[in-house]
Amino acid sequence: GTEPQGIGYQITQAFIAIGSGGFFGQGFGRSLQKYNYLPEPMGDSIF
């Protein structure tokens, strides 16, 4: 929870992405975090 808008931004956004997926997910292609919220969406954050 350290500085969610600073040094903790990437992991905070990753938690939001993973948590919002739930059990079955939002659906293929329907991610919201890839719209410039989560850094490196096609790199080390792709999971």
PDB file of all heavy atoms in Angstrom:
ATOM      1  N   GLY A   1       0.797  -1.222   0.000  1.00  0.00           N
ATOM      2  CA  GLY A   1       0.000   0.000   0.000  1.00  0.00           C
ATOM      3  C   GLY A   1       0.825   1.265   0.000  1.00  0.00           C
ATOM      4  O   GLY A   1       0.264   2.374   0.020  1.00  0.00           O
ATOM      5  N   THR A   2       2.152   1.142  -0.053  1.00  0.00           N
ATOM      6  CA  THR A   2       3.027   2.311  -0.021  1.00  0.00           C
ATOM      7  C   THR A   2       2.888   3.153  -1.287  1.00  0.00           C
ATOM      8  O   THR A   2       3.083   2.661  -2.394  1.00  0.00           O
ATOM      9  CB  THR A   2       4.493   1.874   0.138  1.00  0.00           C
ATOM     10  OG1 THR A   2       4.625   1.074   1.306  1.00  0.00           O
ATOM     11  CG2 THR A   2       5.416   3.076   0.221  1.00  0.00           C
ATOM     12  N   GLU A   3       2.541   4.404  -1.147  1.00  0.00           N
ATOM     13  CA  GLU A   3       2.464   5.375  -2.240  1.00  0.00           C
ATOM     14  C   GLU A   3       1.807   4.786  -3.497  1.00  0.00           C
ATOM     15  O   GLU A   3       2.471   4.578  -4.513  1.00  0.00           O
ATOM     16  CB  GLU A   3       3.863   5.886  -2.592  1.00  0.00           C
ATOM     17  CG  GLU A   3       4.539   6.644  -1.469  1.00  0.00           C
ATOM     18  CD  GLU A   3       5.862   7.245  -1.897  1.00  0.00           C
ATOM     19  OE1 GLU A   3       5.947   7.716  -3.050  1.00  0.00           O
ATOM     20  OE2 GLU A   3       6.809   7.226  -1.103  1.00  0.00           O
ATOM     21  N   PRO A   4       0.510   4.520  -3.449  1.00  0.00           N
ATOM     22  CA  PRO A   4      -0.177   3.921  -4.602  1.00  0.00           C
ATOM     23  C   PRO A   4      -0.141   4.777  -5.859  1.00  0.00           C
ATOM     24  O   PRO A   4      -0.357   4.254  -6.958  1.00  0.00           O
ATOM     25  CB  PRO A   4      -1.618   3.744  -4.099  1.00  0.00           C
ATOM     26  CG  PRO A   4      -1.745   4.690  -2.955  1.00  0.00           C
ATOM     27  CD  PRO A   4      -0.403   4.766  -2.322  1.00  0.00           C
ATOM     28  N   GLN A   5       0.150   6.067  -5.723  1.00  0.00           N
ATOM     29  CA  GLN A   5       0.301   6.927  -6.896  1.00  0.00           C
ATOM     30  C   GLN A   5       1.776   7.221  -7.196  1.00  0.00           C
ATOM     31  O   GLN A   5       2.076   8.006  -8.100  1.00  0.00           O
ATOM     32  CB  GLN A   5      -0.444   8.248  -6.669  1.00  0.00           C
ATOM     33  CG  GLN A   5      -1.954   8.095  -6.551  1.00  0.00           C
ATOM     34  CD  GLN A   5      -2.574   7.510  -7.804  1.00  0.00           C
ATOM     35  OE1 GLN A   5      -2.183   7.849  -8.930  1.00  0.00           O
ATOM     36  NE2 GLN A   5      -3.532   6.608  -7.627  1.00  0.00           N
ATOM     37  N   GLY A   6       2.665   6.570  -6.435  1.00  0.00           N
ATOM     38  CA  GLY A   6       4.099   6.779  -6.631  1.00  0.00           C
ATOM     39  C   GLY A   6       4.809   5.467  -6.890  1.00  0.00           C
ATOM     40  O   GLY A   6       4.555   4.792  -7.882  1.00  0.00           O
ATOM     41  N   ILE A   7       5.701   5.077  -5.947  1.00  0.00           N
ATOM     42  CA  ILE A   7       6.500   3.872  -6.160  1.00  0.00           C
ATOM     43  C   ILE A   7       5.652   2.602  -6.138  1.00  0.00           C
ATOM     44  O   ILE A   7       6.061   1.562  -6.667  1.00  0.00           O
ATOM     45  CB  ILE A   7       7.619   3.767  -5.108  1.00  0.00           C
ATOM     46  CG1 ILE A   7       7.036   3.724  -3.684  1.00  0.00           C
ATOM     47  CG2 ILE A   7       8.604   4.904  -5.253  1.00  0.00           C
ATOM     48  CD1 ILE A   7       8.077   3.506  -2.606  1.00  0.00           C
ATOM     49  N   GLY A   8       4.465   2.663  -5.537  1.00  0.00           N
ATOM     50  CA  GLY A   8       3.602   1.491  -5.494  1.00  0.00           C
ATOM     51  C   GLY A   8       2.549   1.455  -6.584  1.00  0.00           C
ATOM     52  O   GLY A   8       1.644   0.620  -6.542  1.00  0.00           O
ATOM     53  N   TYR A   9       2.682   2.339  -7.581  1.00  0.00           N
ATOM     54  CA  TYR A   9       1.643   2.452  -8.602  1.00  0.00           C
ATOM     55  C   TYR A   9       1.464   1.170  -9.414  1.00  0.00           C
ATOM     56  O   TYR A   9       0.348   0.683  -9.605  1.00  0.00           O
ATOM     57  CB  TYR A   9       1.954   3.618  -9.543  1.00  0.00           C
ATOM     58  CG  TYR A   9       0.923   3.807 -10.634  1.00  0.00           C
ATOM     59  CD1 TYR A   9      -0.294   4.412 -10.359  1.00  0.00           C
ATOM     60  CD2 TYR A   9       1.164   3.366 -11.933  1.00  0.00           C
ATOM     61  CE1 TYR A   9      -1.252   4.592 -11.352  1.00  0.00           C
ATOM     62  CE2 TYR A   9       0.229   3.537 -12.923  1.00  0.00           C
ATOM     63  CZ  TYR A   9      -0.981   4.145 -12.631  1.00  0.00           C
ATOM     64  OH  TYR A   9      -1.921   4.291 -13.626  1.00  0.00           O
ATOM     65  N   GLN A  10       2.573   0.590  -9.893  1.00  0.00           N
ATOM     66  CA  GLN A  10       2.474  -0.581 -10.764  1.00  0.00           C
ATOM     67  C   GLN A  10       1.836  -1.761 -10.051  1.00  0.00           C
ATOM     68  O   GLN A  10       0.931  -2.401 -10.581  1.00  0.00           O
ATOM     69  CB  GLN A  10       3.850  -0.980 -11.302  1.00  0.00           C
ATOM     70  CG  GLN A  10       3.785  -2.158 -12.285  1.00  0.00           C
ATOM     71  CD  GLN A  10       5.123  -2.445 -12.947  1.00  0.00           C
ATOM     72  OE1 GLN A  10       6.125  -1.824 -12.624  1.00  0.00           O
ATOM     73  NE2 GLN A  10       5.151  -3.375 -13.875  1.00  0.00           N
ATOM     74  N   ILE A  11       2.287  -2.046  -8.833  1.00  0.00           N
ATOM     75  CA  ILE A  11       1.735  -3.210  -8.140  1.00  0.00           C
ATOM     76  C   ILE A  11       0.288  -2.948  -7.724  1.00  0.00           C
ATOM     77  O   ILE A  11      -0.544  -3.877  -7.712  1.00  0.00           O
ATOM     78  CB  ILE A  11       2.617  -3.591  -6.927  1.00  0.00           C
ATOM     79  CG1 ILE A  11       2.274  -4.995  -6.428  1.00  0.00           C
ATOM     80  CG2 ILE A  11       2.484  -2.579  -5.814  1.00  0.00           C
ATOM     81  CD1 ILE A  11       2.579  -6.088  -7.411  1.00  0.00           C
ATOM     82  N   THR A  12      -0.054  -1.684  -7.419  1.00  0.00           N
ATOM     83  CA  THR A  12      -1.441  -1.358  -7.079  1.00  0.00           C
ATOM     84  C   THR A  12      -2.362  -1.603  -8.270  1.00  0.00           C
ATOM     85  O   THR A  12      -3.430  -2.215  -8.139  1.00  0.00           O
ATOM     86  CB  THR A  12      -1.552   0.113  -6.638  1.00  0.00           C
ATOM     87  OG1 THR A  12      -0.752   0.320  -5.470  1.00  0.00           O
ATOM     88  CG2 THR A  12      -2.999   0.477  -6.330  1.00  0.00           C
ATOM     89  N   GLN A  13      -1.951  -1.145  -9.448  1.00  0.00           N
ATOM     90  CA  GLN A  13      -2.755  -1.357 -10.651  1.00  0.00           C
ATOM     91  C   GLN A  13      -2.806  -2.842 -11.029  1.00  0.00           C
ATOM     92  O   GLN A  13      -3.822  -3.322 -11.543  1.00  0.00           O
ATOM     93  CB  GLN A  13      -2.190  -0.539 -11.813  1.00  0.00           C
ATOM     94  CG  GLN A  13      -2.242   0.961 -11.600  1.00  0.00           C
ATOM     95  CD  GLN A  13      -3.654   1.474 -11.380  1.00  0.00           C
ATOM     96  OE1 GLN A  13      -4.590   1.082 -12.072  1.00  0.00           O
ATOM     97  NE2 GLN A  13      -3.813   2.346 -10.393  1.00  0.00           N
ATOM     98  N   ALA A  14      -1.713  -3.572 -10.756  1.00  0.00           N
ATOM     99  CA  ALA A  14      -1.713  -5.013 -11.026  1.00  0.00           C
ATOM    100  C   ALA A  14      -2.714  -5.724 -10.136  1.00  0.00           C
ATOM    101  O   ALA A  14      -3.442  -6.622 -10.585  1.00  0.00           O
ATOM    102  CB  ALA A  14      -0.313  -5.587 -10.827  1.00  0.00           C
ATOM    103  N   PHE A  15      -2.765  -5.335  -8.855  1.00  0.00           N
ATOM    104  CA  PHE A  15      -3.748  -5.922  -7.936  1.00  0.00           C
ATOM    105  C   PHE A  15      -5.173  -5.633  -8.394  1.00  0.00           C
ATOM    106  O   PHE A  15      -6.048  -6.496  -8.310  1.00  0.00           O
ATOM    107  CB  PHE A  15      -3.534  -5.362  -6.526  1.00  0.00           C
ATOM    108  CG  PHE A  15      -2.332  -5.921  -5.817  1.00  0.00           C
ATOM    109  CD1 PHE A  15      -1.879  -5.348  -4.637  1.00  0.00           C
ATOM    110  CD2 PHE A  15      -1.644  -7.019  -6.320  1.00  0.00           C
ATOM    111  CE1 PHE A  15      -0.780  -5.864  -3.966  1.00  0.00           C
ATOM    112  CE2 PHE A  15      -0.540  -7.540  -5.663  1.00  0.00           C
ATOM    113  CZ  PHE A  15      -0.101  -6.960  -4.488  1.00  0.00           C
ATOM    114  N   ILE A  16      -5.410  -4.417  -8.878  1.00  0.00           N
ATOM    115  CA  ILE A  16      -6.744  -4.070  -9.385  1.00  0.00           C
ATOM    116  C   ILE A  16      -7.105  -4.956 -10.571  1.00  0.00           C
ATOM    117  O   ILE A  16      -8.233  -5.467 -10.678  1.00  0.00           O
ATOM    118  CB  ILE A  16      -6.797  -2.580  -9.776  1.00  0.00           C
ATOM    119  CG1 ILE A  16      -6.660  -1.705  -8.530  1.00  0.00           C
ATOM    120  CG2 ILE A  16      -8.098  -2.263 -10.513  1.00  0.00           C
ATOM    121  CD1 ILE A  16      -6.536  -0.222  -8.840  1.00  0.00           C
ATOM    122  N   ALA A  17      -6.151  -5.149 -11.481  1.00  0.00           N
ATOM    123  CA  ALA A  17      -6.406  -5.984 -12.655  1.00  0.00           C
ATOM    124  C   ALA A  17      -6.699  -7.424 -12.258  1.00  0.00           C
ATOM    125  O   ALA A  17      -7.691  -8.016 -12.703  1.00  0.00           O
ATOM    126  CB  ALA A  17      -5.202  -5.924 -13.601  1.00  0.00           C
ATOM    127  N   ILE A  18      -5.845  -8.005 -11.416  1.00  0.00           N
ATOM    128  CA  ILE A  18      -6.013  -9.404 -11.020  1.00  0.00           C
ATOM    129  C   ILE A  18      -7.294  -9.578 -10.215  1.00  0.00           C
ATOM    130  O   ILE A  18      -8.061 -10.527 -10.430  1.00  0.00           O
ATOM    131  CB  ILE A  18      -4.789  -9.884 -10.214  1.00  0.00           C
ATOM    132  CG1 ILE A  18      -3.535  -9.866 -11.102  1.00  0.00           C
ATOM    133  CG2 ILE A  18      -5.016 -11.283  -9.661  1.00  0.00           C
ATOM    134  CD1 ILE A  18      -2.247 -10.130 -10.354  1.00  0.00           C
ATOM    135  N   GLY A  19      -7.539  -8.643  -9.292  1.00  0.00           N
ATOM    136  CA  GLY A  19      -8.731  -8.755  -8.460  1.00  0.00           C
ATOM    137  C   GLY A  19     -10.018  -8.609  -9.242  1.00  0.00           C
ATOM    138  O   GLY A  19     -11.008  -9.316  -8.980  1.00  0.00           O
ATOM    139  N   SER A  20     -10.041  -7.715 -10.231  1.00  0.00           N
ATOM    140  CA  SER A  20     -11.259  -7.511 -11.006  1.00  0.00           C
ATOM    141  C   SER A  20     -11.551  -8.677 -11.945  1.00  0.00           C
ATOM    142  O   SER A  20     -12.663  -8.793 -12.455  1.00  0.00           O
ATOM    143  CB  SER A  20     -11.162  -6.214 -11.813  1.00  0.00           C
ATOM    144  OG  SER A  20     -10.090  -6.285 -12.746  1.00  0.00           O
ATOM    145  N   GLY A  21     -10.551  -9.537 -12.171  1.00  0.00           N
ATOM    146  CA  GLY A  21     -10.782 -10.696 -13.033  1.00  0.00           C
ATOM    147  C   GLY A  21     -11.669 -11.741 -12.392  1.00  0.00           C
ATOM    148  O   GLY A  21     -12.349 -12.494 -13.095  1.00  0.00           O
ATOM    149  N   GLY A  22     -11.665 -11.810 -11.053  1.00  0.00           N
ATOM    150  CA  GLY A  22     -12.504 -12.797 -10.369  1.00  0.00           C
ATOM    151  C   GLY A  22     -12.147 -14.212 -10.775  1.00  0.00           C
ATOM    152  O   GLY A  22     -10.987 -14.525 -11.077  1.00  0.00           O
ATOM    153  N   PHE A  23     -13.139 -15.080 -10.801  1.00  0.00           N
ATOM    154  CA  PHE A  23     -12.890 -16.484 -11.126  1.00  0.00           C
ATOM    155  C   PHE A  23     -12.854 -16.726 -12.633  1.00  0.00           C
ATOM    156  O   PHE A  23     -11.982 -17.427 -13.134  1.00  0.00           O
ATOM    157  CB  PHE A  23     -13.964 -17.370 -10.494  1.00  0.00           C
ATOM    158  CG  PHE A  23     -13.653 -18.843 -10.578  1.00  0.00           C
ATOM    159  CD1 PHE A  23     -12.810 -19.437  -9.659  1.00  0.00           C
ATOM    160  CD2 PHE A  23     -14.182 -19.618 -11.600  1.00  0.00           C
ATOM    161  CE1 PHE A  23     -12.503 -20.793  -9.749  1.00  0.00           C
ATOM    162  CE2 PHE A  23     -13.894 -20.970 -11.696  1.00  0.00           C
ATOM    163  CZ  PHE A  23     -13.044 -21.558 -10.764  1.00  0.00           C
ATOM    164  N   PHE A  24     -13.814 -16.134 -13.366  1.00  0.00           N
ATOM    165  CA  PHE A  24     -13.916 -16.396 -14.810  1.00  0.00           C
ATOM    166  C   PHE A  24     -13.343 -15.271 -15.668  1.00  0.00           C
ATOM    167  O   PHE A  24     -13.186 -15.441 -16.867  1.00  0.00           O
ATOM    168  CB  PHE A  24     -15.381 -16.631 -15.199  1.00  0.00           C
ATOM    169  CG  PHE A  24     -15.962 -17.891 -14.615  1.00  0.00           C
ATOM    170  CD1 PHE A  24     -16.836 -17.828 -13.550  1.00  0.00           C
ATOM    171  CD2 PHE A  24     -15.610 -19.136 -15.114  1.00  0.00           C
ATOM    172  CE1 PHE A  24     -17.371 -18.989 -13.010  1.00  0.00           C
ATOM    173  CE2 PHE A  24     -16.134 -20.293 -14.577  1.00  0.00           C
ATOM    174  CZ  PHE A  24     -17.020 -20.221 -13.521  1.00  0.00           C
ATOM    175  N   GLY A  25     -13.032 -14.114 -15.090  1.00  0.00           N
ATOM    176  CA  GLY A  25     -12.452 -13.025 -15.848  1.00  0.00           C
ATOM    177  C   GLY A  25     -13.484 -12.112 -16.481  1.00  0.00           C
ATOM    178  O   GLY A  25     -14.674 -12.424 -16.554  1.00  0.00           O
ATOM    179  N   GLN A  26     -13.005 -10.982 -16.977  1.00  0.00           N
ATOM    180  CA  GLN A  26     -13.869 -10.003 -17.632  1.00  0.00           C
ATOM    181  C   GLN A  26     -14.203 -10.391 -19.061  1.00  0.00           C
ATOM    182  O   GLN A  26     -15.109  -9.828 -19.668  1.00  0.00           O
ATOM    183  CB  GLN A  26     -13.186  -8.629 -17.631  1.00  0.00           C
ATOM    184  CG  GLN A  26     -12.906  -8.060 -16.255  1.00  0.00           C
ATOM    185  CD  GLN A  26     -14.167  -7.665 -15.527  1.00  0.00           C
ATOM    186  OE1 GLN A  26     -15.163  -7.288 -16.138  1.00  0.00           O
ATOM    187  NE2 GLN A  26     -14.143  -7.761 -14.201  1.00  0.00           N
ATOM    188  N   GLY A  27     -13.460 -11.338 -19.595  1.00  0.00           N
ATOM    189  CA  GLY A  27     -13.658 -11.742 -20.988  1.00  0.00           C
ATOM    190  C   GLY A  27     -12.459 -11.356 -21.829  1.00  0.00           C
ATOM    191  O   GLY A  27     -11.834 -10.305 -21.610  1.00  0.00           O
ATOM    192  N   PHE A  28     -12.121 -12.194 -22.796  1.00  0.00           N
ATOM    193  CA  PHE A  28     -10.940 -11.952 -23.630  1.00  0.00           C
ATOM    194  C   PHE A  28     -11.078 -10.624 -24.377  1.00  0.00           C
ATOM    195  O   PHE A  28     -12.081 -10.354 -25.028  1.00  0.00           O
ATOM    196  CB  PHE A  28     -10.755 -13.090 -24.633  1.00  0.00           C
ATOM    197  CG  PHE A  28      -9.524 -12.951 -25.480  1.00  0.00           C
ATOM    198  CD1 PHE A  28      -8.273 -13.194 -24.948  1.00  0.00           C
ATOM    199  CD2 PHE A  28      -9.617 -12.558 -26.807  1.00  0.00           C
ATOM    200  CE1 PHE A  28      -7.138 -13.057 -25.715  1.00  0.00           C
ATOM    201  CE2 PHE A  28      -8.484 -12.425 -27.590  1.00  0.00           C
ATOM    202  CZ  PHE A  28      -7.238 -12.672 -27.042  1.00  0.00           C
ATOM    203  N   GLY A  29     -10.042  -9.785 -24.260  1.00  0.00           N
ATOM    204  CA  GLY A  29     -10.031  -8.495 -24.926  1.00  0.00           C
ATOM    205  C   GLY A  29     -10.711  -7.376 -24.163  1.00  0.00           C
ATOM    206  O   GLY A  29     -10.726  -6.234 -24.631  1.00  0.00           O
ATOM    207  N   ARG A  30     -11.256  -7.654 -22.988  1.00  0.00           N
ATOM    208  CA  ARG A  30     -12.066  -6.666 -22.272  1.00  0.00           C
ATOM    209  C   ARG A  30     -11.357  -6.071 -21.056  1.00  0.00           C
ATOM    210  O   ARG A  30     -12.008  -5.530 -20.170  1.00  0.00           O
ATOM    211  CB  ARG A  30     -13.397  -7.292 -21.857  1.00  0.00           C
ATOM    212  CG  ARG A  30     -14.215  -7.807 -23.033  1.00  0.00           C
ATOM    213  CD  ARG A  30     -15.547  -8.363 -22.598  1.00  0.00           C
ATOM    214  NE  ARG A  30     -16.399  -7.313 -22.012  1.00  0.00           N
ATOM    215  CZ  ARG A  30     -17.613  -7.551 -21.529  1.00  0.00           C
ATOM    216  NH1 ARG A  30     -18.109  -8.784 -21.551  1.00  0.00           N
ATOM    217  NH2 ARG A  30     -18.321  -6.565 -21.016  1.00  0.00           N
ATOM    218  N   SER A  31     -10.061  -6.150 -21.008  1.00  0.00           N
ATOM    219  CA  SER A  31      -9.312  -5.548 -19.911  1.00  0.00           C
ATOM    220  C   SER A  31      -9.435  -4.023 -19.960  1.00  0.00           C
ATOM    221  O   SER A  31      -9.401  -3.409 -21.039  1.00  0.00           O
ATOM    222  CB  SER A  31      -7.832  -5.931 -20.000  1.00  0.00           C
ATOM    223  OG  SER A  31      -7.034  -5.098 -19.179  1.00  0.00           O
ATOM    224  N   LEU A  32      -9.552  -3.421 -18.797  1.00  0.00           N
ATOM    225  CA  LEU A  32      -9.560  -1.960 -18.681  1.00  0.00           C
ATOM    226  C   LEU A  32      -8.176  -1.433 -18.306  1.00  0.00           C
ATOM    227  O   LEU A  32      -7.820  -0.310 -18.655  1.00  0.00           O
ATOM    228  CB  LEU A  32     -10.577  -1.513 -17.633  1.00  0.00           C
ATOM    229  CG  LEU A  32     -12.047  -1.816 -17.932  1.00  0.00           C
ATOM    230  CD1 LEU A  32     -12.938  -1.328 -16.799  1.00  0.00           C
ATOM    231  CD2 LEU A  32     -12.475  -1.173 -19.255  1.00  0.00           C
ATOM    232  N   GLN A  33      -7.408  -2.235 -17.579  1.00  0.00           N
ATOM    233  CA  GLN A  33      -6.100  -1.788 -17.107  1.00  0.00           C
ATOM    234  C   GLN A  33      -5.100  -1.562 -18.237  1.00  0.00           C
ATOM    235  O   GLN A  33      -4.146  -0.805 -18.067  1.00  0.00           O
ATOM    236  CB  GLN A  33      -5.539  -2.796 -16.103  1.00  0.00           C
ATOM    237  CG  GLN A  33      -6.211  -2.778 -14.749  1.00  0.00           C
ATOM    238  CD  GLN A  33      -6.040  -1.455 -14.035  1.00  0.00           C
ATOM    239  OE1 GLN A  33      -4.942  -0.933 -13.930  1.00  0.00           O
ATOM    240  NE2 GLN A  33      -7.140  -0.901 -13.556  1.00  0.00           N
ATOM    241  N   LYS A  34      -5.306  -2.191 -19.381  1.00  0.00           N
ATOM    242  CA  LYS A  34      -4.370  -1.997 -20.494  1.00  0.00           C
ATOM    243  C   LYS A  34      -4.557  -0.637 -21.161  1.00  0.00           C
ATOM    244  O   LYS A  34      -3.739  -0.241 -21.998  1.00  0.00           O
ATOM    245  CB  LYS A  34      -4.525  -3.120 -21.519  1.00  0.00           C
ATOM    246  CG  LYS A  34      -5.863  -3.132 -22.238  1.00  0.00           C
ATOM    247  CD  LYS A  34      -5.989  -4.396 -23.075  1.00  0.00           C
ATOM    248  CE  LYS A  34      -7.357  -4.501 -23.740  1.00  0.00           C
ATOM    249  NZ  LYS A  34      -7.541  -5.809 -24.390  1.00  0.00           N
ATOM    250  N   TYR A  35      -5.608   0.093 -20.787  1.00  0.00           N
ATOM    251  CA  TYR A  35      -5.836   1.420 -21.345  1.00  0.00           C
ATOM    252  C   TYR A  35      -5.029   2.462 -20.573  1.00  0.00           C
ATOM    253  O   TYR A  35      -5.572   3.377 -19.961  1.00  0.00           O
ATOM    254  CB  TYR A  35      -7.328   1.758 -21.325  1.00  0.00           C
ATOM    255  CG  TYR A  35      -8.116   1.018 -22.385  1.00  0.00           C
ATOM    256  CD1 TYR A  35      -8.648  -0.237 -22.123  1.00  0.00           C
ATOM    257  CD2 TYR A  35      -8.296   1.554 -23.654  1.00  0.00           C
ATOM    258  CE1 TYR A  35      -9.356  -0.934 -23.094  1.00  0.00           C
ATOM    259  CE2 TYR A  35      -9.004   0.872 -24.637  1.00  0.00           C
ATOM    260  CZ  TYR A  35      -9.521  -0.371 -24.342  1.00  0.00           C
ATOM    261  OH  TYR A  35     -10.218  -1.068 -25.309  1.00  0.00           O
ATOM    262  N   ASN A  36      -3.723   2.253 -20.588  1.00  0.00           N
ATOM    263  CA  ASN A  36      -2.759   3.196 -20.013  1.00  0.00           C
ATOM    264  C   ASN A  36      -2.875   3.359 -18.503  1.00  0.00           C
ATOM    265  O   ASN A  36      -2.449   4.382 -17.947  1.00  0.00           O
ATOM    266  CB  ASN A  36      -2.878   4.570 -20.686  1.00  0.00           C
ATOM    267  CG  ASN A  36      -2.551   4.528 -22.163  1.00  0.00           C
ATOM    268  OD1 ASN A  36      -1.673   3.781 -22.582  1.00  0.00           O
ATOM    269  ND2 ASN A  36      -3.268   5.298 -22.958  1.00  0.00           N
ATOM    270  N   TYR A  37      -3.425   2.365 -17.827  1.00  0.00           N
ATOM    271  CA  TYR A  37      -3.441   2.378 -16.367  1.00  0.00           C
ATOM    272  C   TYR A  37      -2.273   1.571 -15.805  1.00  0.00           C
ATOM    273  O   TYR A  37      -1.521   2.050 -14.957  1.00  0.00           O
ATOM    274  CB  TYR A  37      -4.767   1.810 -15.834  1.00  0.00           C
ATOM    275  CG  TYR A  37      -5.968   2.671 -16.129  1.00  0.00           C
ATOM    276  CD1 TYR A  37      -6.885   2.299 -17.101  1.00  0.00           C
ATOM    277  CD2 TYR A  37      -6.185   3.851 -15.429  1.00  0.00           C
ATOM    278  CE1 TYR A  37      -7.991   3.091 -17.380  1.00  0.00           C
ATOM    279  CE2 TYR A  37      -7.291   4.649 -15.696  1.00  0.00           C
ATOM    280  CZ  TYR A  37      -8.190   4.269 -16.682  1.00  0.00           C
ATOM    281  OH  TYR A  37      -9.279   5.050 -16.954  1.00  0.00           O
ATOM    282  N   LEU A  38      -2.134   0.339 -16.269  1.00  0.00           N
ATOM    283  CA  LEU A  38      -1.075  -0.545 -15.771  1.00  0.00           C
ATOM    284  C   LEU A  38       0.174  -0.378 -16.621  1.00  0.00           C
ATOM    285  O   LEU A  38       0.132  -0.587 -17.841  1.00  0.00           O
ATOM    286  CB  LEU A  38      -1.542  -2.001 -15.803  1.00  0.00           C
ATOM    287  CG  LEU A  38      -0.537  -3.068 -15.379  1.00  0.00           C
ATOM    288  CD1 LEU A  38      -0.135  -2.872 -13.926  1.00  0.00           C
ATOM    289  CD2 LEU A  38      -1.115  -4.459 -15.585  1.00  0.00           C
ATOM    290  N   PRO A  39       1.326  -0.009 -16.029  1.00  0.00           N
ATOM    291  CA  PRO A  39       2.579   0.088 -16.801  1.00  0.00           C
ATOM    292  C   PRO A  39       2.993  -1.276 -17.349  1.00  0.00           C
ATOM    293  O   PRO A  39       2.742  -2.314 -16.743  1.00  0.00           O
ATOM    294  CB  PRO A  39       3.594   0.596 -15.768  1.00  0.00           C
ATOM    295  CG  PRO A  39       2.775   1.212 -14.678  1.00  0.00           C
ATOM    296  CD  PRO A  39       1.495   0.418 -14.631  1.00  0.00           C
ATOM    297  N   GLU A  40       3.646  -1.266 -18.494  1.00  0.00           N
ATOM    298  CA  GLU A  40       4.162  -2.478 -19.135  1.00  0.00           C
ATOM    299  C   GLU A  40       3.078  -3.538 -19.339  1.00  0.00           C
ATOM    300  O   GLU A  40       3.276  -4.715 -18.976  1.00  0.00           O
ATOM    301  CB  GLU A  40       5.313  -3.067 -18.305  1.00  0.00           C
ATOM    302  CG  GLU A  40       6.508  -2.153 -18.151  1.00  0.00           C
ATOM    303  CD  GLU A  40       7.289  -1.996 -19.438  1.00  0.00           C
ATOM    304  OE1 GLU A  40       7.244  -2.905 -20.286  1.00  0.00           O
ATOM    305  OE2 GLU A  40       7.926  -0.955 -19.616  1.00  0.00           O
ATOM    306  N   PRO A  41       1.921  -3.196 -19.920  1.00  0.00           N
ATOM    307  CA  PRO A  41       0.848  -4.190 -20.059  1.00  0.00           C
ATOM    308  C   PRO A  41       1.196  -5.348 -20.989  1.00  0.00           C
ATOM    309  O   PRO A  41       0.598  -6.412 -20.884  1.00  0.00           O
ATOM    310  CB  PRO A  41      -0.323  -3.365 -20.611  1.00  0.00           C
ATOM    311  CG  PRO A  41       0.334  -2.222 -21.317  1.00  0.00           C
ATOM    312  CD  PRO A  41       1.552  -1.898 -20.508  1.00  0.00           C
ATOM    313  N   MET A  42       2.145  -5.142 -21.909  1.00  0.00           N
ATOM    314  CA  MET A  42       2.521  -6.240 -22.793  1.00  0.00           C
ATOM    315  C   MET A  42       3.917  -6.778 -22.464  1.00  0.00           C
ATOM    316  O   MET A  42       4.441  -7.621 -23.179  1.00  0.00           O
ATOM    317  CB  MET A  42       2.478  -5.802 -24.262  1.00  0.00           C
ATOM    318  CG  MET A  42       3.454  -4.699 -24.621  1.00  0.00           C
ATOM    319  SD  MET A  42       3.328  -4.305 -26.381  1.00  0.00           S
ATOM    320  CE  MET A  42       4.717  -3.181 -26.560  1.00  0.00           C
ATOM    321  N   GLY A  43       4.490  -6.276 -21.358  1.00  0.00           N
ATOM    322  CA  GLY A  43       5.805  -6.726 -20.934  1.00  0.00           C
ATOM    323  C   GLY A  43       5.726  -7.540 -19.666  1.00  0.00           C
ATOM    324  O   GLY A  43       5.032  -8.563 -19.605  1.00  0.00           O
ATOM    325  N   ASP A  44       6.405  -7.071 -18.611  1.00  0.00           N
ATOM    326  CA  ASP A  44       6.446  -7.861 -17.388  1.00  0.00           C
ATOM    327  C   ASP A  44       5.135  -7.836 -16.616  1.00  0.00           C
ATOM    328  O   ASP A  44       4.957  -8.614 -15.684  1.00  0.00           O
ATOM    329  CB  ASP A  44       7.593  -7.385 -16.485  1.00  0.00           C
ATOM    330  CG  ASP A  44       7.517  -5.898 -16.182  1.00  0.00           C
ATOM    331  OD1 ASP A  44       7.728  -5.111 -17.106  1.00  0.00           O
ATOM    332  OD2 ASP A  44       7.256  -5.535 -15.019  1.00  0.00           O
ATOM    333  N   SER A  45       4.168  -6.960 -17.004  1.00  0.00           N
ATOM    334  CA  SER A  45       2.865  -6.923 -16.320  1.00  0.00           C
ATOM    335  C   SER A  45       1.784  -7.707 -17.050  1.00  0.00           C
ATOM    336  O   SER A  45       0.614  -7.658 -16.656  1.00  0.00           O
ATOM    337  CB  SER A  45       2.404  -5.464 -16.160  1.00  0.00           C
ATOM    338  OG  SER A  45       3.302  -4.713 -15.401  1.00  0.00           O
ATOM    339  N   ILE A  46       2.147  -8.434 -18.093  1.00  0.00           N
ATOM    340  CA  ILE A  46       1.133  -9.042 -18.946  1.00  0.00           C
ATOM    341  C   ILE A  46       0.305 -10.104 -18.216  1.00  0.00           C
ATOM    342  O   ILE A  46      -0.860 -10.330 -18.550  1.00  0.00           O
ATOM    343  CB  ILE A  46       1.788  -9.636 -20.213  1.00  0.00           C
ATOM    344  CG1 ILE A  46       0.728  -9.871 -21.301  1.00  0.00           C
ATOM    345  CG2 ILE A  46       2.559 -10.909 -19.896  1.00  0.00           C
ATOM    346  CD1 ILE A  46       1.313 -10.173 -22.667  1.00  0.00           C
ATOM    347  N   PHE A  47       0.861 -10.741 -17.195  1.00  0.00           N
ATOM    348  CA  PHE A  47       0.102 -11.747 -16.459  1.00  0.00           C
ATOM    349  C   PHE A  47      -1.092 -11.119 -15.750  1.00  0.00           C
ATOM    350  O   PHE A  47      -2.142 -11.752 -15.622  1.00  0.00           O
ATOM    351  CB  PHE A  47       0.992 -12.467 -15.441  1.00  0.00           C
ATOM    352  CG  PHE A  47       0.267 -13.512 -14.639  1.00  0.00           C
ATOM    353  CD1 PHE A  47      -0.133 -14.701 -15.229  1.00  0.00           C
ATOM    354  CD2 PHE A  47      -0.022 -13.310 -13.295  1.00  0.00           C
ATOM    355  CE1 PHE A  47      -0.809 -15.672 -14.495  1.00  0.00           C
ATOM    356  CE2 PHE A  47      -0.693 -14.267 -12.556  1.00  0.00           C
ATOM    357  CZ  PHE A  47      -1.091 -15.454 -13.158  1.00  0.00           C
TER     358      PHE A  47
END
